[in-house]
Amino acid sequence: MDPVTNTETALGVKTDIRIERILCPVDFSEASLKAYHHAQSIASHYGATLYAQYAVELWQYPSCDFAISVNAYEEFRQALISKGEDALHQFVRTCGGLQPECIVQESPAADAILSFAKARAISLIVLGTHGRRGFDRLMLGSVTERVLRHASCPVLAVRQKAPDSGPRGATDAPVQIRRILCGVDFSANSQRALEYALSAAKAYDAEVSILHVLDNIPDSADPAKETDAAVEKLEELLPPGVPCSAKTHLEVRLGKASQEILKFASEEKSDLIVTGVRGRNSLDLAVFGSTTYRVMQLGPVPVLTVPI
């Protein structure tokens, strides 16, 4: 399939969605296995090059600080790297399917991901995140959070499993993206996210729902009129040649944005949520109440965040 999907925004600005190089960091957990299958699927649909990366983190081996000599330290370090290379090659062989280029680096995981993504002009990072319960669900994990804050390319966060989803399911099941949900707030951020959502819908022949949530409208406002006006604005977002149809659905709801996005995704059995972010370093991403962050915390399906 052509790796480039051409669209034209409602403002008449032509954009090319290029997913040419995909990076999938793995730690051999169930979460990273599920993420890897998603990365393989996307790479196959877009004709992209896939990189599988494993980071050797020496801080996890405090005993190396007490090496009796520099040579002993270096031998231990090289042994860890060699072991990581063997494990990574075994991992991709076991997974089968599209084979990636394997990368092993001695570095803190987030540093390894960000530096490699920058050096190779990565188009998309696919990360596995671990399902949490209770207070721990308020944290995405230090590696995921740092990558989300600093990566200049879109990041797809794939949960090990949906929160409170019951028994563990098979992580090697074929990746199917049949329904895509894109949340928009009429900003440039959501415009760019919509372009990625439409590109993915074309690549997977999927349905796409475009959702806007009316949050905190004045008591004096007429909800019906506000809804009608929002629907008109949604229609204006659609590029020429992408009419509202059985494959493209527009939805406006009233309530708290994150709650309505999660509720809609559950009701419609969405396979992917796409959302924009204002900036990887902005305070918005650090605040638990932010819409994007909350959706990533509690979302039942993979969430693609798209920076502008």
C-alpha atoms as a PDB file:
ATOM      1  CA  MET A   1       0.000   0.000   0.000  1.00  0.00           C
ATOM      2  CA  ASP A   2       1.154   3.535  -0.761  1.00  0.00           C
ATOM      3  CA  PRO A   3       2.848   4.791   2.421  1.00  0.00           C
ATOM      4  CA  VAL A   4       1.638   8.336   1.747  1.00  0.00           C
ATOM      5  CA  THR A   5      -1.988   9.329   2.222  1.00  0.00           C
ATOM      6  CA  ASN A   6      -2.782  12.719   0.728  1.00  0.00           C
ATOM      7  CA  THR A   7      -5.495  14.850   2.271  1.00  0.00           C
ATOM      8  CA  GLU A   8      -6.537  18.471   2.037  1.00  0.00           C
ATOM      9  CA  THR A   9      -7.752  20.287   5.094  1.00  0.00           C
ATOM     10  CA  ALA A  10     -10.891  22.381   5.284  1.00  0.00           C
ATOM     11  CA  LEU A  11      -8.609  25.421   5.075  1.00  0.00           C
ATOM     12  CA  GLY A  12      -7.287  24.200   1.732  1.00  0.00           C
ATOM     13  CA  VAL A  13      -3.856  23.304   3.089  1.00  0.00           C
ATOM     14  CA  LYS A  14      -2.590  20.105   1.499  1.00  0.00           C
ATOM     15  CA  THR A  15      -0.903  17.728   3.881  1.00  0.00           C
ATOM     16  CA  ASP A  16       0.911  14.444   3.380  1.00  0.00           C
ATOM     17  CA  ILE A  17       0.613  11.899   6.180  1.00  0.00           C
ATOM     18  CA  ARG A  18       3.862   9.975   5.955  1.00  0.00           C
ATOM     19  CA  ILE A  19       4.488   6.986   8.177  1.00  0.00           C
ATOM     20  CA  GLU A  20       7.771   5.716   6.815  1.00  0.00           C
ATOM     21  CA  ARG A  21       9.751   4.681   9.904  1.00  0.00           C
ATOM     22  CA  ILE A  22       8.190   3.137  13.013  1.00  0.00           C
ATOM     23  CA  LEU A  23      10.001   2.613  16.309  1.00  0.00           C
ATOM     24  CA  CYS A  24       8.722   0.031  18.789  1.00  0.00           C
ATOM     25  CA  PRO A  25      10.685  -0.180  22.058  1.00  0.00           C
ATOM     26  CA  VAL A  26      10.268  -3.547  23.782  1.00  0.00           C
ATOM     27  CA  ASP A  27      11.072  -4.904  27.226  1.00  0.00           C
ATOM     28  CA  PHE A  28       9.757  -8.435  26.514  1.00  0.00           C
ATOM     29  CA  SER A  29       6.673  -7.849  28.667  1.00  0.00           C
ATOM     30  CA  GLU A  30       3.132  -8.701  27.578  1.00  0.00           C
ATOM     31  CA  ALA A  31       2.500  -4.983  27.118  1.00  0.00           C
ATOM     32  CA  SER A  32       5.393  -4.528  24.702  1.00  0.00           C
ATOM     33  CA  LEU A  33       4.395  -7.708  22.847  1.00  0.00           C
ATOM     34  CA  LYS A  34       0.949  -6.263  22.197  1.00  0.00           C
ATOM     35  CA  ALA A  35       2.494  -2.959  21.118  1.00  0.00           C
ATOM     36  CA  TYR A  36       4.872  -4.789  18.789  1.00  0.00           C
ATOM     37  CA  HIS A  37       1.975  -6.515  17.009  1.00  0.00           C
ATOM     38  CA  HIS A  38       0.362  -3.102  16.478  1.00  0.00           C
ATOM     39  CA  ALA A  39       3.636  -1.702  15.150  1.00  0.00           C
ATOM     40  CA  GLN A  40       3.954  -4.623  12.730  1.00  0.00           C
ATOM     41  CA  SER A  41       0.414  -4.105  11.498  1.00  0.00           C
ATOM     42  CA  ILE A  42       0.840  -0.372  10.920  1.00  0.00           C
ATOM     43  CA  ALA A  43       4.196  -0.888   9.205  1.00  0.00           C
ATOM     44  CA  SER A  44       2.594  -3.429   6.893  1.00  0.00           C
ATOM     45  CA  HIS A  45      -0.338  -1.172   6.006  1.00  0.00           C
ATOM     46  CA  TYR A  46       1.865   1.861   5.344  1.00  0.00           C
ATOM     47  CA  GLY A  47       4.853   0.090   3.805  1.00  0.00           C
ATOM     48  CA  ALA A  48       7.027   1.505   6.588  1.00  0.00           C
ATOM     49  CA  THR A  49      10.379   0.382   7.961  1.00  0.00           C
ATOM     50  CA  LEU A  50      10.046  -1.102  11.444  1.00  0.00           C
ATOM     51  CA  TYR A  51      12.658  -0.822  14.197  1.00  0.00           C
ATOM     52  CA  ALA A  52      12.518  -2.942  17.353  1.00  0.00           C
ATOM     53  CA  GLN A  53      14.551  -1.415  20.175  1.00  0.00           C
ATOM     54  CA  TYR A  54      15.759  -2.738  23.517  1.00  0.00           C
ATOM     55  CA  ALA A  55      17.519  -0.544  26.067  1.00  0.00           C
ATOM     56  CA  VAL A  56      20.106  -2.002  28.434  1.00  0.00           C
ATOM     57  CA  GLU A  57      19.807   0.054  31.619  1.00  0.00           C
ATOM     58  CA  LEU A  58      22.849  -0.350  33.844  1.00  0.00           C
ATOM     59  CA  TRP A  59      21.135   1.386  36.762  1.00  0.00           C
ATOM     60  CA  GLN A  60      19.105  -1.809  37.182  1.00  0.00           C
ATOM     61  CA  TYR A  61      22.334  -3.626  38.083  1.00  0.00           C
ATOM     62  CA  PRO A  62      23.735  -1.777  41.137  1.00  0.00           C
ATOM     63  CA  SER A  63      26.364  -4.459  41.648  1.00  0.00           C
ATOM     64  CA  CYS A  64      28.266  -3.181  38.602  1.00  0.00           C
ATOM     65  CA  ASP A  65      29.173  -0.059  40.594  1.00  0.00           C
ATOM     66  CA  PHE A  66      31.374  -2.284  42.723  1.00  0.00           C
ATOM     67  CA  ALA A  67      33.336  -3.828  39.849  1.00  0.00           C
ATOM     68  CA  ILE A  68      36.910  -4.506  40.923  1.00  0.00           C
ATOM     69  CA  SER A  69      38.342  -2.970  37.763  1.00  0.00           C
ATOM     70  CA  VAL A  70      37.445  -0.976  34.642  1.00  0.00           C
ATOM     71  CA  ASN A  71      37.939  -4.119  32.571  1.00  0.00           C
ATOM     72  CA  ALA A  72      35.532  -6.087  34.745  1.00  0.00           C
ATOM     73  CA  TYR A  73      32.949  -3.321  34.445  1.00  0.00           C
ATOM     74  CA  GLU A  74      33.297  -3.232  30.649  1.00  0.00           C
ATOM     75  CA  GLU A  75      33.064  -7.026  30.389  1.00  0.00           C
ATOM     76  CA  PHE A  76      29.867  -6.981  32.455  1.00  0.00           C
ATOM     77  CA  ARG A  77      28.448  -4.173  30.304  1.00  0.00           C
ATOM     78  CA  GLN A  78      29.244  -5.953  27.041  1.00  0.00           C
ATOM     79  CA  ALA A  79      27.757  -9.186  28.390  1.00  0.00           C
ATOM     80  CA  LEU A  80      24.490  -7.396  29.144  1.00  0.00           C
ATOM     81  CA  ILE A  81      24.395  -5.865  25.663  1.00  0.00           C
ATOM     82  CA  SER A  82      25.112  -9.246  24.058  1.00  0.00           C
ATOM     83  CA  LYS A  83      22.400 -10.869  26.153  1.00  0.00           C
ATOM     84  CA  GLY A  84      19.977  -8.097  25.146  1.00  0.00           C
ATOM     85  CA  GLU A  85      20.772  -8.595  21.464  1.00  0.00           C
ATOM     86  CA  ASP A  86      20.138 -12.332  21.727  1.00  0.00           C
ATOM     87  CA  ALA A  87      16.864 -11.763  23.581  1.00  0.00           C
ATOM     88  CA  LEU A  88      15.647  -9.151  21.094  1.00  0.00           C
ATOM     89  CA  HIS A  89      16.408 -11.328  18.064  1.00  0.00           C
ATOM     90  CA  GLN A  90      14.654 -14.242  19.740  1.00  0.00           C
ATOM     91  CA  PHE A  91      11.675 -11.996  20.500  1.00  0.00           C
ATOM     92  CA  VAL A  92      11.185 -10.899  16.877  1.00  0.00           C
ATOM     93  CA  ARG A  93      11.743 -14.436  15.548  1.00  0.00           C
ATOM     94  CA  THR A  94       9.100 -15.787  17.910  1.00  0.00           C
ATOM     95  CA  CYS A  95       6.634 -13.067  16.916  1.00  0.00           C
ATOM     96  CA  GLY A  96       7.132 -13.820  13.220  1.00  0.00           C
ATOM     97  CA  GLY A  97       5.486 -11.637  10.600  1.00  0.00           C
ATOM     98  CA  LEU A  98       7.174  -8.506   9.302  1.00  0.00           C
ATOM     99  CA  GLN A  99      10.779  -8.559  10.505  1.00  0.00           C
ATOM    100  CA  PRO A 100      12.270  -5.346  11.885  1.00  0.00           C
ATOM    101  CA  GLU A 101      15.727  -3.903  12.190  1.00  0.00           C
ATOM    102  CA  CYS A 102      16.889  -4.714  15.730  1.00  0.00           C
ATOM    103  CA  ILE A 103      18.503  -1.981  17.830  1.00  0.00           C
ATOM    104  CA  VAL A 104      20.112  -2.533  21.247  1.00  0.00           C
ATOM    105  CA  GLN A 105      21.513   0.452  23.151  1.00  0.00           C
ATOM    106  CA  GLU A 106      23.048   0.882  26.583  1.00  0.00           C
ATOM    107  CA  SER A 107      21.101   3.847  27.901  1.00  0.00           C
ATOM    108  CA  PRO A 108      18.129   4.754  30.074  1.00  0.00           C
ATOM    109  CA  ALA A 109      15.080   3.638  28.103  1.00  0.00           C
ATOM    110  CA  ALA A 110      13.512   7.056  27.538  1.00  0.00           C
ATOM    111  CA  ASP A 111      16.845   8.534  26.412  1.00  0.00           C
ATOM    112  CA  ALA A 112      17.394   5.646  24.007  1.00  0.00           C
ATOM    113  CA  ILE A 113      13.910   6.036  22.504  1.00  0.00           C
ATOM    114  CA  LEU A 114      14.071   9.802  22.094  1.00  0.00           C
ATOM    115  CA  SER A 115      17.620   9.916  20.726  1.00  0.00           C
ATOM    116  CA  PHE A 116      16.979   7.148  18.195  1.00  0.00           C
ATOM    117  CA  ALA A 117      13.678   8.721  17.119  1.00  0.00           C
ATOM    118  CA  LYS A 118      15.423  12.022  16.483  1.00  0.00           C
ATOM    119  CA  ALA A 119      18.457  10.525  14.730  1.00  0.00           C
ATOM    120  CA  ARG A 120      16.383   8.367  12.369  1.00  0.00           C
ATOM    121  CA  ALA A 121      13.525  10.841  11.834  1.00  0.00           C
ATOM    122  CA  ILE A 122      11.015   8.320  13.165  1.00  0.00           C
ATOM    123  CA  SER A 123       7.446   8.880  11.950  1.00  0.00           C
ATOM    124  CA  LEU A 124       5.685   7.020  14.762  1.00  0.00           C
ATOM    125  CA  ILE A 125       6.621   5.556  18.149  1.00  0.00           C
ATOM    126  CA  VAL A 126       4.555   2.594  19.376  1.00  0.00           C
ATOM    127  CA  LEU A 127       4.816   1.995  23.132  1.00  0.00           C
ATOM    128  CA  GLY A 128       3.327  -0.646  25.379  1.00  0.00           C
ATOM    129  CA  THR A 129       1.862   0.573  28.676  1.00  0.00           C
ATOM    130  CA  HIS A 130       1.021  -1.640  31.633  1.00  0.00           C
ATOM    131  CA  GLY A 131      -2.524  -1.826  32.955  1.00  0.00           C
ATOM    132  CA  ARG A 132      -2.838  -0.509  36.494  1.00  0.00           C
ATOM    133  CA  ARG A 133      -5.435  -0.495  39.237  1.00  0.00           C
ATOM    134  CA  GLY A 134      -6.165   1.973  42.004  1.00  0.00           C
ATOM    135  CA  PHE A 135      -3.851   4.918  42.539  1.00  0.00           C
ATOM    136  CA  ASP A 136      -1.206   3.492  40.203  1.00  0.00           C
ATOM    137  CA  ARG A 137      -3.551   4.080  37.282  1.00  0.00           C
ATOM    138  CA  LEU A 138      -2.873   7.798  37.745  1.00  0.00           C
ATOM    139  CA  MET A 139       0.631   7.167  36.408  1.00  0.00           C
ATOM    140  CA  LEU A 140       1.486   6.069  32.881  1.00  0.00           C
ATOM    141  CA  GLY A 141       5.042   5.164  33.856  1.00  0.00           C
ATOM    142  CA  SER A 142       8.160   7.311  33.782  1.00  0.00           C
ATOM    143  CA  VAL A 143       9.358   6.107  30.356  1.00  0.00           C
ATOM    144  CA  THR A 144       5.981   6.567  28.661  1.00  0.00           C
ATOM    145  CA  GLU A 145       5.448   9.961  30.255  1.00  0.00           C
ATOM    146  CA  ARG A 146       8.854  11.264  29.212  1.00  0.00           C
ATOM    147  CA  VAL A 147       8.468  10.033  25.639  1.00  0.00           C
ATOM    148  CA  LEU A 148       5.037  11.646  25.426  1.00  0.00           C
ATOM    149  CA  ARG A 149       6.428  14.934  26.720  1.00  0.00           C
ATOM    150  CA  HIS A 150       9.436  15.153  24.418  1.00  0.00           C
ATOM    151  CA  ALA A 151       8.834  13.144  21.221  1.00  0.00           C
ATOM    152  CA  SER A 152       8.244  15.342  18.183  1.00  0.00           C
ATOM    153  CA  CYS A 153       6.412  12.583  16.280  1.00  0.00           C
ATOM    154  CA  PRO A 154       3.064  10.916  17.048  1.00  0.00           C
ATOM    155  CA  VAL A 155       3.085   8.300  19.805  1.00  0.00           C
ATOM    156  CA  LEU A 156       0.756   5.306  19.943  1.00  0.00           C
ATOM    157  CA  ALA A 157       0.283   4.001  23.494  1.00  0.00           C
ATOM    158  CA  VAL A 158      -0.981   0.417  23.573  1.00  0.00           C
ATOM    159  CA  ARG A 159      -2.296  -0.922  26.869  1.00  0.00           C
ATOM    160  CA  GLN A 160      -1.518  -4.417  28.027  1.00  0.00           C
ATOM    161  CA  LYS A 161      -5.259  -4.763  28.466  1.00  0.00           C
ATOM    162  CA  ALA A 162      -8.186  -2.483  29.087  1.00  0.00           C
ATOM    163  CA  PRO A 163      -8.684  -1.455  32.722  1.00  0.00           C
ATOM    164  CA  ASP A 164     -10.985  -3.808  34.622  1.00  0.00           C
ATOM    165  CA  SER A 165     -11.378  -5.948  31.510  1.00  0.00           C
ATOM    166  CA  GLY A 166     -11.334  -9.225  33.400  1.00  0.00           C
ATOM    167  CA  PRO A 167      -9.313 -12.255  32.267  1.00  0.00           C
ATOM    168  CA  ARG A 168      -6.221 -11.662  30.211  1.00  0.00           C
ATOM    169  CA  GLY A 169      -6.745 -12.031  26.481  1.00  0.00           C
ATOM    170  CA  ALA A 170      -4.375 -13.226  23.790  1.00  0.00           C
ATOM    171  CA  THR A 171      -1.818 -10.576  22.853  1.00  0.00           C
ATOM    172  CA  ASP A 172      -0.908 -12.267  19.590  1.00  0.00           C
ATOM    173  CA  ALA A 173      -4.401 -11.988  18.095  1.00  0.00           C
ATOM    174  CA  PRO A 174      -4.431 -10.241  14.701  1.00  0.00           C
ATOM    175  CA  VAL A 175      -4.613  -6.467  15.004  1.00  0.00           C
ATOM    176  CA  GLN A 176      -7.922  -5.214  13.664  1.00  0.00           C
ATOM    177  CA  ILE A 177      -8.729  -1.521  13.360  1.00  0.00           C
ATOM    178  CA  ARG A 178     -12.328  -1.281  12.225  1.00  0.00           C
ATOM    179  CA  ARG A 179     -13.573   1.722  14.183  1.00  0.00           C
ATOM    180  CA  ILE A 180     -11.550   4.861  14.883  1.00  0.00           C
ATOM    181  CA  LEU A 181     -12.567   7.643  17.249  1.00  0.00           C
ATOM    182  CA  CYS A 182     -11.055  11.101  16.805  1.00  0.00           C
ATOM    183  CA  GLY A 183     -11.763  13.733  19.436  1.00  0.00           C
ATOM    184  CA  VAL A 184     -11.627  17.316  18.157  1.00  0.00           C
ATOM    185  CA  ASP A 185     -11.889  20.724  19.804  1.00  0.00           C
ATOM    186  CA  PHE A 186     -11.569  22.759  16.566  1.00  0.00           C
ATOM    187  CA  SER A 187      -7.966  23.714  17.325  1.00  0.00           C
ATOM    188  CA  ALA A 188      -5.024  23.215  14.984  1.00  0.00           C
ATOM    189  CA  ASN A 189      -4.014  20.304  17.218  1.00  0.00           C
ATOM    190  CA  SER A 190      -7.216  18.416  16.583  1.00  0.00           C
ATOM    191  CA  GLN A 191      -7.106  19.279  12.866  1.00  0.00           C
ATOM    192  CA  ARG A 192      -3.786  17.479  12.592  1.00  0.00           C
ATOM    193  CA  ALA A 193      -5.102  14.559  14.649  1.00  0.00           C
ATOM    194  CA  LEU A 194      -8.078  14.282  12.300  1.00  0.00           C
ATOM    195  CA  GLU A 195      -5.742  14.008   9.326  1.00  0.00           C
ATOM    196  CA  TYR A 196      -4.029  11.038  10.990  1.00  0.00           C
ATOM    197  CA  ALA A 197      -7.388   9.472  11.864  1.00  0.00           C
ATOM    198  CA  LEU A 198      -8.594   9.760   8.260  1.00  0.00           C
ATOM    199  CA  SER A 199      -5.294   8.381   6.997  1.00  0.00           C
ATOM    200  CA  ALA A 200      -5.570   5.355   9.296  1.00  0.00           C
ATOM    201  CA  ALA A 201      -9.205   4.861   8.280  1.00  0.00           C
ATOM    202  CA  LYS A 202      -8.151   4.768   4.636  1.00  0.00           C
ATOM    203  CA  ALA A 203      -5.244   2.402   5.325  1.00  0.00           C
ATOM    204  CA  TYR A 204      -7.423  -0.041   7.295  1.00  0.00           C
ATOM    205  CA  ASP A 205     -10.702   0.578   5.439  1.00  0.00           C
ATOM    206  CA  ALA A 206     -12.142   1.517   8.819  1.00  0.00           C
ATOM    207  CA  GLU A 207     -15.006   3.652  10.028  1.00  0.00           C
ATOM    208  CA  VAL A 208     -14.110   6.937  11.689  1.00  0.00           C
ATOM    209  CA  SER A 209     -16.193   8.841  14.244  1.00  0.00           C
ATOM    210  CA  ILE A 210     -15.366  12.500  14.811  1.00  0.00           C
ATOM    211  CA  LEU A 211     -16.451  13.601  18.260  1.00  0.00           C
ATOM    212  CA  HIS A 212     -16.712  17.070  19.768  1.00  0.00           C
ATOM    213  CA  VAL A 213     -17.732  17.513  23.398  1.00  0.00           C
ATOM    214  CA  LEU A 214     -19.486  20.671  24.537  1.00  0.00           C
ATOM    215  CA  ASP A 215     -17.911  21.178  27.937  1.00  0.00           C
ATOM    216  CA  ASN A 216     -19.162  23.815  30.399  1.00  0.00           C
ATOM    217  CA  ILE A 217     -21.587  25.596  28.097  1.00  0.00           C
ATOM    218  CA  PRO A 218     -23.330  28.575  29.765  1.00  0.00           C
ATOM    219  CA  ASP A 219     -26.631  27.902  31.517  1.00  0.00           C
ATOM    220  CA  SER A 220     -28.204  30.546  29.290  1.00  0.00           C
ATOM    221  CA  ALA A 221     -27.179  28.719  26.098  1.00  0.00           C
ATOM    222  CA  ASP A 222     -29.592  26.561  24.125  1.00  0.00           C
ATOM    223  CA  PRO A 223     -28.054  23.034  24.031  1.00  0.00           C
ATOM    224  CA  ALA A 224     -29.840  22.188  20.773  1.00  0.00           C
ATOM    225  CA  LYS A 225     -28.513  25.303  19.017  1.00  0.00           C
ATOM    226  CA  GLU A 226     -25.015  24.744  20.415  1.00  0.00           C
ATOM    227  CA  THR A 227     -25.108  21.156  19.183  1.00  0.00           C
ATOM    228  CA  ASP A 228     -26.280  22.160  15.691  1.00  0.00           C
ATOM    229  CA  ALA A 229     -23.543  24.786  15.451  1.00  0.00           C
ATOM    230  CA  ALA A 230     -20.914  22.246  16.519  1.00  0.00           C
ATOM    231  CA  VAL A 231     -22.126  19.750  13.906  1.00  0.00           C
ATOM    232  CA  GLU A 232     -21.754  22.419  11.215  1.00  0.00           C
ATOM    233  CA  LYS A 233     -18.192  23.088  12.347  1.00  0.00           C
ATOM    234  CA  LEU A 234     -17.439  19.376  12.254  1.00  0.00           C
ATOM    235  CA  GLU A 235     -18.701  19.204   8.677  1.00  0.00           C
ATOM    236  CA  GLU A 236     -16.359  22.043   7.764  1.00  0.00           C
ATOM    237  CA  LEU A 237     -13.407  20.028   9.104  1.00  0.00           C
ATOM    238  CA  LEU A 238     -13.955  17.210   6.630  1.00  0.00           C
ATOM    239  CA  PRO A 239     -11.585  17.420   3.654  1.00  0.00           C
ATOM    240  CA  PRO A 240     -13.099  17.580   0.168  1.00  0.00           C
ATOM    241  CA  GLY A 241     -14.062  14.116  -1.005  1.00  0.00           C
ATOM    242  CA  VAL A 242     -14.677  12.840   2.530  1.00  0.00           C
ATOM    243  CA  PRO A 243     -18.439  13.344   2.959  1.00  0.00           C
ATOM    244  CA  CYS A 244     -20.330  12.274   6.023  1.00  0.00           C
ATOM    245  CA  SER A 245     -21.307   8.666   5.263  1.00  0.00           C
ATOM    246  CA  ALA A 246     -21.577   5.189   6.723  1.00  0.00           C
ATOM    247  CA  LYS A 247     -17.772   5.263   7.066  1.00  0.00           C
ATOM    248  CA  THR A 248     -17.570   8.776   8.549  1.00  0.00           C
ATOM    249  CA  HIS A 249     -19.768   9.719  11.487  1.00  0.00           C
ATOM    250  CA  LEU A 250     -20.057  13.072  13.253  1.00  0.00           C
ATOM    251  CA  GLU A 251     -21.048  13.207  16.909  1.00  0.00           C
ATOM    252  CA  VAL A 252     -21.541  16.042  19.409  1.00  0.00           C
ATOM    253  CA  ARG A 253     -22.075  15.392  23.110  1.00  0.00           C
ATOM    254  CA  LEU A 254     -22.454  17.448  26.249  1.00  0.00           C
ATOM    255  CA  GLY A 255     -20.365  16.791  29.338  1.00  0.00           C
ATOM    256  CA  LYS A 256     -16.771  16.460  30.468  1.00  0.00           C
ATOM    257  CA  ALA A 257     -14.551  15.842  27.459  1.00  0.00           C
ATOM    258  CA  SER A 258     -12.481  12.932  28.756  1.00  0.00           C
ATOM    259  CA  GLN A 259     -15.503  11.140  30.187  1.00  0.00           C
ATOM    260  CA  GLU A 260     -17.516  11.476  26.983  1.00  0.00           C
ATOM    261  CA  ILE A 261     -14.616  10.332  24.810  1.00  0.00           C
ATOM    262  CA  LEU A 262     -14.128   7.229  26.955  1.00  0.00           C
ATOM    263  CA  LYS A 263     -17.864   6.561  27.098  1.00  0.00           C
ATOM    264  CA  PHE A 264     -18.233   6.885  23.327  1.00  0.00           C
ATOM    265  CA  ALA A 265     -15.231   4.631  22.694  1.00  0.00           C
ATOM    266  CA  SER A 266     -16.764   1.973  24.927  1.00  0.00           C
ATOM    267  CA  GLU A 267     -20.234   2.243  23.390  1.00  0.00           C
ATOM    268  CA  GLU A 268     -18.991   2.112  19.806  1.00  0.00           C
ATOM    269  CA  LYS A 269     -16.319  -0.511  20.514  1.00  0.00           C
ATOM    270  CA  SER A 270     -13.636   1.713  19.024  1.00  0.00           C
ATOM    271  CA  ASP A 271     -10.326   0.057  18.184  1.00  0.00           C
ATOM    272  CA  LEU A 272      -8.280   3.265  18.233  1.00  0.00           C
ATOM    273  CA  ILE A 273      -8.588   6.725  19.759  1.00  0.00           C
ATOM    274  CA  VAL A 274      -6.786   9.615  18.057  1.00  0.00           C
ATOM    275  CA  THR A 275      -6.228  12.927  19.814  1.00  0.00           C
ATOM    276  CA  GLY A 276      -4.031  15.991  19.394  1.00  0.00           C
ATOM    277  CA  VAL A 277      -1.765  17.591  21.972  1.00  0.00           C
ATOM    278  CA  ARG A 278      -0.706  21.211  22.155  1.00  0.00           C
ATOM    279  CA  GLY A 279       2.939  20.534  22.866  1.00  0.00           C
ATOM    280  CA  ARG A 280       5.023  17.775  24.339  1.00  0.00           C
ATOM    281  CA  ASN A 281       6.501  20.076  26.968  1.00  0.00           C
ATOM    282  CA  SER A 282       3.329  21.907  27.914  1.00  0.00           C
ATOM    283  CA  LEU A 283       1.882  21.839  31.404  1.00  0.00           C
ATOM    284  CA  ASP A 284      -1.302  20.392  29.916  1.00  0.00           C
ATOM    285  CA  LEU A 285       0.303  16.977  29.599  1.00  0.00           C
ATOM    286  CA  ALA A 286       1.472  17.024  33.216  1.00  0.00           C
ATOM    287  CA  VAL A 287      -1.939  17.703  34.731  1.00  0.00           C
ATOM    288  CA  PHE A 288      -4.052  14.670  35.623  1.00  0.00           C
ATOM    289  CA  GLY A 289      -7.199  16.557  34.645  1.00  0.00           C
ATOM    290  CA  SER A 290      -6.137  17.190  31.052  1.00  0.00           C
ATOM    291  CA  THR A 291      -8.322  15.470  28.481  1.00  0.00           C
ATOM    292  CA  THR A 292      -5.553  13.762  26.516  1.00  0.00           C
ATOM    293  CA  TYR A 293      -3.767  12.529  29.619  1.00  0.00           C
ATOM    294  CA  ARG A 294      -6.933  11.179  31.220  1.00  0.00           C
ATOM    295  CA  VAL A 295      -7.953   9.348  28.049  1.00  0.00           C
ATOM    296  CA  MET A 296      -4.529   7.722  27.924  1.00  0.00           C
ATOM    297  CA  GLN A 297      -4.768   6.754  31.591  1.00  0.00           C
ATOM    298  CA  LEU A 298      -8.140   5.075  31.360  1.00  0.00           C
ATOM    299  CA  GLY A 299      -8.745   4.441  27.667  1.00  0.00           C
ATOM    300  CA  PRO A 300      -9.932   0.915  26.790  1.00  0.00           C
ATOM    301  CA  VAL A 301      -8.033   0.880  23.480  1.00  0.00           C
ATOM    302  CA  PRO A 302      -4.740   2.176  22.025  1.00  0.00           C
ATOM    303  CA  VAL A 303      -4.464   5.967  21.976  1.00  0.00           C
ATOM    304  CA  LEU A 304      -2.575   7.851  19.262  1.00  0.00           C
ATOM    305  CA  THR A 305      -1.417  11.314  20.356  1.00  0.00           C
ATOM    306  CA  VAL A 306      -0.475  13.693  17.552  1.00  0.00           C
ATOM    307  CA  PRO A 307       1.611  16.822  18.235  1.00  0.00           C
ATOM    308  CA  ILE A 308       1.317  19.899  16.072  1.00  0.00           C
END
